[in-house]
Amino acid sequence: GIVSNRQQWEHDNWADFADVIEVND
């Protein structure tokens, strides 16, 4: 029932890096 490292990272940082990440098939 507590926030994990995974969840905290996405909450804090996804908006800053989403446009740069490019994932192939």
PDB file of all heavy atoms in Angstrom:
ATOM      1  N   GLY A   1       0.776  -1.230   0.000  1.00  0.00           N
ATOM      2  CA  GLY A   1       0.000   0.000   0.000  1.00  0.00           C
ATOM      3  C   GLY A   1       0.806   1.277   0.000  1.00  0.00           C
ATOM      4  O   GLY A   1       0.269   2.345   0.318  1.00  0.00           O
ATOM      5  N   ILE A   2       2.108   1.202  -0.341  1.00  0.00           N
ATOM      6  CA  ILE A   2       2.909   2.420  -0.381  1.00  0.00           C
ATOM      7  C   ILE A   2       3.460   2.632  -1.789  1.00  0.00           C
ATOM      8  O   ILE A   2       3.536   1.708  -2.597  1.00  0.00           O
ATOM      9  CB  ILE A   2       4.061   2.372   0.641  1.00  0.00           C
ATOM     10  CG1 ILE A   2       5.023   1.224   0.339  1.00  0.00           C
ATOM     11  CG2 ILE A   2       3.530   2.263   2.055  1.00  0.00           C
ATOM     12  CD1 ILE A   2       6.232   1.213   1.237  1.00  0.00           C
ATOM     13  N   VAL A   3       3.834   3.861  -2.072  1.00  0.00           N
ATOM     14  CA  VAL A   3       4.340   4.226  -3.401  1.00  0.00           C
ATOM     15  C   VAL A   3       5.721   3.610  -3.588  1.00  0.00           C
ATOM     16  O   VAL A   3       6.603   3.749  -2.744  1.00  0.00           O
ATOM     17  CB  VAL A   3       4.403   5.755  -3.556  1.00  0.00           C
ATOM     18  CG1 VAL A   3       5.026   6.131  -4.892  1.00  0.00           C
ATOM     19  CG2 VAL A   3       3.011   6.360  -3.425  1.00  0.00           C
ATOM     20  N   SER A   4       5.917   2.947  -4.711  1.00  0.00           N
ATOM     21  CA  SER A   4       7.198   2.310  -4.999  1.00  0.00           C
ATOM     22  C   SER A   4       8.122   3.269  -5.739  1.00  0.00           C
ATOM     23  O   SER A   4       7.712   4.326  -6.219  1.00  0.00           O
ATOM     24  CB  SER A   4       6.977   1.060  -5.858  1.00  0.00           C
ATOM     25  OG  SER A   4       6.492   1.435  -7.143  1.00  0.00           O
ATOM     26  N   ASN A   5       9.371   2.867  -5.853  1.00  0.00           N
ATOM     27  CA  ASN A   5      10.351   3.640  -6.617  1.00  0.00           C
ATOM     28  C   ASN A   5       9.896   3.803  -8.066  1.00  0.00           C
ATOM     29  O   ASN A   5      10.015   4.885  -8.660  1.00  0.00           O
ATOM     30  CB  ASN A   5      11.703   2.934  -6.548  1.00  0.00           C
ATOM     31  CG  ASN A   5      12.857   3.805  -7.021  1.00  0.00           C
ATOM     32  OD1 ASN A   5      12.918   4.995  -6.721  1.00  0.00           O
ATOM     33  ND2 ASN A   5      13.768   3.211  -7.765  1.00  0.00           N
ATOM     34  N   ARG A   6       9.379   2.741  -8.636  1.00  0.00           N
ATOM     35  CA  ARG A   6       8.876   2.762 -10.012  1.00  0.00           C
ATOM     36  C   ARG A   6       7.795   3.827 -10.182  1.00  0.00           C
ATOM     37  O   ARG A   6       7.832   4.645 -11.114  1.00  0.00           O
ATOM     38  CB  ARG A   6       8.316   1.366 -10.340  1.00  0.00           C
ATOM     39  CG  ARG A   6       7.546   1.257 -11.629  1.00  0.00           C
ATOM     40  CD  ARG A   6       6.901  -0.115 -11.741  1.00  0.00           C
ATOM     41  NE  ARG A   6       5.636  -0.211 -11.016  1.00  0.00           N
ATOM     42  CZ  ARG A   6       4.463   0.131 -11.512  1.00  0.00           C
ATOM     43  NH1 ARG A   6       4.371   0.612 -12.735  1.00  0.00           N
ATOM     44  NH2 ARG A   6       3.362  -0.008 -10.796  1.00  0.00           N
ATOM     45  N   GLN A   7       6.833   3.838  -9.287  1.00  0.00           N
ATOM     46  CA  GLN A   7       5.722   4.785  -9.375  1.00  0.00           C
ATOM     47  C   GLN A   7       6.190   6.216  -9.133  1.00  0.00           C
ATOM     48  O   GLN A   7       5.740   7.149  -9.799  1.00  0.00           O
ATOM     49  CB  GLN A   7       4.646   4.401  -8.366  1.00  0.00           C
ATOM     50  CG  GLN A   7       3.949   3.088  -8.678  1.00  0.00           C
ATOM     51  CD  GLN A   7       3.078   2.599  -7.534  1.00  0.00           C
ATOM     52  OE1 GLN A   7       3.433   2.761  -6.355  1.00  0.00           O
ATOM     53  NE2 GLN A   7       1.948   2.004  -7.851  1.00  0.00           N
ATOM     54  N   GLN A   8       7.116   6.381  -8.192  1.00  0.00           N
ATOM     55  CA  GLN A   8       7.601   7.723  -7.875  1.00  0.00           C
ATOM     56  C   GLN A   8       8.370   8.315  -9.042  1.00  0.00           C
ATOM     57  O   GLN A   8       8.225   9.499  -9.355  1.00  0.00           O
ATOM     58  CB  GLN A   8       8.489   7.673  -6.636  1.00  0.00           C
ATOM     59  CG  GLN A   8       8.777   9.053  -6.048  1.00  0.00           C
ATOM     60  CD  GLN A   8       7.517   9.713  -5.490  1.00  0.00           C
ATOM     61  OE1 GLN A   8       6.819   9.141  -4.670  1.00  0.00           O
ATOM     62  NE2 GLN A   8       7.217  10.914  -5.954  1.00  0.00           N
ATOM     63  N   TRP A   9       9.174   7.491  -9.704  1.00  0.00           N
ATOM     64  CA  TRP A   9       9.925   7.972 -10.859  1.00  0.00           C
ATOM     65  C   TRP A   9       8.988   8.458 -11.958  1.00  0.00           C
ATOM     66  O   TRP A   9       9.197   9.525 -12.542  1.00  0.00           O
ATOM     67  CB  TRP A   9      10.823   6.854 -11.397  1.00  0.00           C
ATOM     68  CG  TRP A   9      12.236   6.980 -10.945  1.00  0.00           C
ATOM     69  CD1 TRP A   9      12.781   6.490  -9.798  1.00  0.00           C
ATOM     70  CD2 TRP A   9      13.290   7.656 -11.621  1.00  0.00           C
ATOM     71  NE1 TRP A   9      14.108   6.818  -9.718  1.00  0.00           N
ATOM     72  CE2 TRP A   9      14.448   7.531 -10.824  1.00  0.00           C
ATOM     73  CE3 TRP A   9      13.366   8.348 -12.821  1.00  0.00           C
ATOM     74  CZ2 TRP A   9      15.677   8.080 -11.196  1.00  0.00           C
ATOM     75  CZ3 TRP A   9      14.593   8.894 -13.198  1.00  0.00           C
ATOM     76  CH2 TRP A   9      15.721   8.762 -12.390  1.00  0.00           C
ATOM     77  N   GLU A  10       7.969   7.677 -12.258  1.00  0.00           N
ATOM     78  CA  GLU A  10       7.053   8.080 -13.323  1.00  0.00           C
ATOM     79  C   GLU A  10       6.325   9.371 -12.956  1.00  0.00           C
ATOM     80  O   GLU A  10       6.148  10.269 -13.789  1.00  0.00           O
ATOM     81  CB  GLU A  10       6.050   6.967 -13.619  1.00  0.00           C
ATOM     82  CG  GLU A  10       5.146   7.290 -14.805  1.00  0.00           C
ATOM     83  CD  GLU A  10       4.286   6.114 -15.228  1.00  0.00           C
ATOM     84  OE1 GLU A  10       4.398   5.029 -14.624  1.00  0.00           O
ATOM     85  OE2 GLU A  10       3.492   6.287 -16.172  1.00  0.00           O
ATOM     86  N   HIS A  11       5.907   9.472 -11.701  1.00  0.00           N
ATOM     87  CA  HIS A  11       5.204  10.671 -11.245  1.00  0.00           C
ATOM     88  C   HIS A  11       6.090  11.912 -11.361  1.00  0.00           C
ATOM     89  O   HIS A  11       5.651  12.976 -11.811  1.00  0.00           O
ATOM     90  CB  HIS A  11       4.752  10.491  -9.800  1.00  0.00           C
ATOM     91  CG  HIS A  11       4.092  11.696  -9.207  1.00  0.00           C
ATOM     92  ND1 HIS A  11       4.810  12.697  -8.572  1.00  0.00           N
ATOM     93  CD2 HIS A  11       2.790  12.093  -9.162  1.00  0.00           C
ATOM     94  CE1 HIS A  11       3.985  13.641  -8.161  1.00  0.00           C
ATOM     95  NE2 HIS A  11       2.750  13.303  -8.502  1.00  0.00           N
ATOM     96  N   ASP A  12       7.366  11.771 -10.979  1.00  0.00           N
ATOM     97  CA  ASP A  12       8.256  12.931 -10.905  1.00  0.00           C
ATOM     98  C   ASP A  12       8.922  13.285 -12.230  1.00  0.00           C
ATOM     99  O   ASP A  12       9.236  14.462 -12.460  1.00  0.00           O
ATOM    100  CB  ASP A  12       9.358  12.676  -9.867  1.00  0.00           C
ATOM    101  CG  ASP A  12       8.836  12.595  -8.441  1.00  0.00           C
ATOM    102  OD1 ASP A  12       7.675  13.007  -8.209  1.00  0.00           O
ATOM    103  OD2 ASP A  12       9.574  12.102  -7.565  1.00  0.00           O
ATOM    104  N   ASN A  13       9.160  12.289 -13.097  1.00  0.00           N
ATOM    105  CA  ASN A  13      10.082  12.520 -14.207  1.00  0.00           C
ATOM    106  C   ASN A  13       9.557  12.216 -15.607  1.00  0.00           C
ATOM    107  O   ASN A  13      10.199  12.613 -16.590  1.00  0.00           O
ATOM    108  CB  ASN A  13      11.361  11.683 -13.983  1.00  0.00           C
ATOM    109  CG  ASN A  13      12.090  12.059 -12.718  1.00  0.00           C
ATOM    110  OD1 ASN A  13      12.517  13.196 -12.556  1.00  0.00           O
ATOM    111  ND2 ASN A  13      12.229  11.105 -11.796  1.00  0.00           N
ATOM    112  N   TRP A  14       8.435  11.516 -15.736  1.00  0.00           N
ATOM    113  CA  TRP A  14       7.992  11.100 -17.062  1.00  0.00           C
ATOM    114  C   TRP A  14       7.796  12.293 -17.997  1.00  0.00           C
ATOM    115  O   TRP A  14       8.232  12.273 -19.161  1.00  0.00           O
ATOM    116  CB  TRP A  14       6.716  10.276 -16.970  1.00  0.00           C
ATOM    117  CG  TRP A  14       6.177   9.864 -18.311  1.00  0.00           C
ATOM    118  CD1 TRP A  14       5.050  10.327 -18.927  1.00  0.00           C
ATOM    119  CD2 TRP A  14       6.744   8.904 -19.219  1.00  0.00           C
ATOM    120  NE1 TRP A  14       4.876   9.715 -20.150  1.00  0.00           N
ATOM    121  CE2 TRP A  14       5.910   8.840 -20.359  1.00  0.00           C
ATOM    122  CE3 TRP A  14       7.879   8.103 -19.184  1.00  0.00           C
ATOM    123  CZ2 TRP A  14       6.181   8.011 -21.442  1.00  0.00           C
ATOM    124  CZ3 TRP A  14       8.154   7.271 -20.264  1.00  0.00           C
ATOM    125  CH2 TRP A  14       7.303   7.234 -21.372  1.00  0.00           C
ATOM    126  N   ALA A  15       7.192  13.347 -17.525  1.00  0.00           N
ATOM    127  CA  ALA A  15       6.900  14.501 -18.391  1.00  0.00           C
ATOM    128  C   ALA A  15       8.176  15.123 -18.945  1.00  0.00           C
ATOM    129  O   ALA A  15       8.185  15.658 -20.060  1.00  0.00           O
ATOM    130  CB  ALA A  15       6.096  15.544 -17.611  1.00  0.00           C
ATOM    131  N   ASP A  16       9.274  15.037 -18.190  1.00  0.00           N
ATOM    132  CA  ASP A  16      10.529  15.655 -18.628  1.00  0.00           C
ATOM    133  C   ASP A  16      11.248  14.836 -19.692  1.00  0.00           C
ATOM    134  O   ASP A  16      12.054  15.393 -20.453  1.00  0.00           O
ATOM    135  CB  ASP A  16      11.472  15.841 -17.431  1.00  0.00           C
ATOM    136  CG  ASP A  16      10.959  16.872 -16.438  1.00  0.00           C
ATOM    137  OD1 ASP A  16      10.217  17.778 -16.857  1.00  0.00           O
ATOM    138  OD2 ASP A  16      11.294  16.755 -15.247  1.00  0.00           O
ATOM    139  N   PHE A  17      10.982  13.539 -19.757  1.00  0.00           N
ATOM    140  CA  PHE A  17      11.765  12.672 -20.634  1.00  0.00           C
ATOM    141  C   PHE A  17      10.951  11.949 -21.704  1.00  0.00           C
ATOM    142  O   PHE A  17      11.523  11.348 -22.615  1.00  0.00           O
ATOM    143  CB  PHE A  17      12.515  11.634 -19.788  1.00  0.00           C
ATOM    144  CG  PHE A  17      13.529  12.226 -18.855  1.00  0.00           C
ATOM    145  CD1 PHE A  17      13.256  12.370 -17.504  1.00  0.00           C
ATOM    146  CD2 PHE A  17      14.751  12.658 -19.333  1.00  0.00           C
ATOM    147  CE1 PHE A  17      14.188  12.926 -16.642  1.00  0.00           C
ATOM    148  CE2 PHE A  17      15.697  13.217 -18.476  1.00  0.00           C
ATOM    149  CZ  PHE A  17      15.414  13.354 -17.129  1.00  0.00           C
ATOM    150  N   ALA A  18       9.647  12.002 -21.621  1.00  0.00           N
ATOM    151  CA  ALA A  18       8.805  11.216 -22.535  1.00  0.00           C
ATOM    152  C   ALA A  18       9.085  11.528 -23.998  1.00  0.00           C
ATOM    153  O   ALA A  18       9.117  10.624 -24.848  1.00  0.00           O
ATOM    154  CB  ALA A  18       7.332  11.456 -22.214  1.00  0.00           C
ATOM    155  N   ASP A  19       9.299  12.790 -24.332  1.00  0.00           N
ATOM    156  CA  ASP A  19       9.495  13.174 -25.728  1.00  0.00           C
ATOM    157  C   ASP A  19      10.814  12.683 -26.298  1.00  0.00           C
ATOM    158  O   ASP A  19      10.964  12.583 -27.531  1.00  0.00           O
ATOM    159  CB  ASP A  19       9.423  14.698 -25.874  1.00  0.00           C
ATOM    160  CG  ASP A  19       8.021  15.243 -25.648  1.00  0.00           C
ATOM    161  OD1 ASP A  19       7.061  14.442 -25.726  1.00  0.00           O
ATOM    162  OD2 ASP A  19       7.885  16.450 -25.392  1.00  0.00           O
ATOM    163  N   VAL A  20      11.773  12.360 -25.447  1.00  0.00           N
ATOM    164  CA  VAL A  20      13.102  11.965 -25.919  1.00  0.00           C
ATOM    165  C   VAL A  20      13.208  10.450 -26.087  1.00  0.00           C
ATOM    166  O   VAL A  20      13.975   9.957 -26.911  1.00  0.00           O
ATOM    167  CB  VAL A  20      14.187  12.464 -24.931  1.00  0.00           C
ATOM    168  CG1 VAL A  20      15.585  12.194 -25.477  1.00  0.00           C
ATOM    169  CG2 VAL A  20      14.005  13.951 -24.660  1.00  0.00           C
ATOM    170  N   ILE A  21      12.431   9.709 -25.333  1.00  0.00           N
ATOM    171  CA  ILE A  21      12.510   8.248 -25.376  1.00  0.00           C
ATOM    172  C   ILE A  21      11.898   7.728 -26.677  1.00  0.00           C
ATOM    173  O   ILE A  21      10.776   8.082 -27.041  1.00  0.00           O
ATOM    174  CB  ILE A  21      11.777   7.637 -24.166  1.00  0.00           C
ATOM    175  CG1 ILE A  21      12.489   8.046 -22.868  1.00  0.00           C
ATOM    176  CG2 ILE A  21      11.700   6.119 -24.278  1.00  0.00           C
ATOM    177  CD1 ILE A  21      11.741   7.669 -21.610  1.00  0.00           C
ATOM    178  N   GLU A  22      12.652   6.888 -27.388  1.00  0.00           N
ATOM    179  CA  GLU A  22      12.182   6.266 -28.629  1.00  0.00           C
ATOM    180  C   GLU A  22      12.393   4.758 -28.523  1.00  0.00           C
ATOM    181  O   GLU A  22      13.534   4.291 -28.440  1.00  0.00           O
ATOM    182  CB  GLU A  22      12.940   6.815 -29.837  1.00  0.00           C
ATOM    183  CG  GLU A  22      12.680   8.281 -30.129  1.00  0.00           C
ATOM    184  CD  GLU A  22      13.381   8.754 -31.383  1.00  0.00           C
ATOM    185  OE1 GLU A  22      14.157   7.961 -31.974  1.00  0.00           O
ATOM    186  OE2 GLU A  22      13.158   9.912 -31.788  1.00  0.00           O
ATOM    187  N   VAL A  23      11.294   4.002 -28.545  1.00  0.00           N
ATOM    188  CA  VAL A  23      11.344   2.556 -28.323  1.00  0.00           C
ATOM    189  C   VAL A  23      10.984   1.834 -29.612  1.00  0.00           C
ATOM    190  O   VAL A  23       9.901   2.039 -30.176  1.00  0.00           O
ATOM    191  CB  VAL A  23      10.382   2.128 -27.197  1.00  0.00           C
ATOM    192  CG1 VAL A  23      10.558   0.644 -26.884  1.00  0.00           C
ATOM    193  CG2 VAL A  23      10.609   2.975 -25.945  1.00  0.00           C
ATOM    194  N   ASN A  24      11.871   0.974 -30.066  1.00  0.00           N
ATOM    195  CA  ASN A  24      11.626   0.191 -31.274  1.00  0.00           C
ATOM    196  C   ASN A  24      10.806  -1.054 -30.959  1.00  0.00           C
ATOM    197  O   ASN A  24      10.617  -1.413 -29.789  1.00  0.00           O
ATOM    198  CB  ASN A  24      12.957  -0.208 -31.916  1.00  0.00           C
ATOM    199  CG  ASN A  24      13.780   1.000 -32.341  1.00  0.00           C
ATOM    200  OD1 ASN A  24      13.275   1.888 -33.027  1.00  0.00           O
ATOM    201  ND2 ASN A  24      15.038   1.040 -31.928  1.00  0.00           N
ATOM    202  N   ASP A  25      10.321  -1.716 -31.999  1.00  0.00           N
ATOM    203  CA  ASP A  25       9.460  -2.882 -31.803  1.00  0.00           C
ATOM    204  C   ASP A  25      10.158  -4.025 -31.072  1.00  0.00           C
ATOM    205  O   ASP A  25       9.498  -4.857 -30.440  1.00  0.00           O
ATOM    206  CB  ASP A  25       8.944  -3.385 -33.153  1.00  0.00           C
ATOM    207  CG  ASP A  25       7.954  -2.416 -33.792  1.00  0.00           C
ATOM    208  OD1 ASP A  25       7.411  -1.564 -33.055  1.00  0.00           O
ATOM    209  OD2 ASP A  25       7.738  -2.494 -35.012  1.00  0.00           O
TER     210      ASP A  25
END
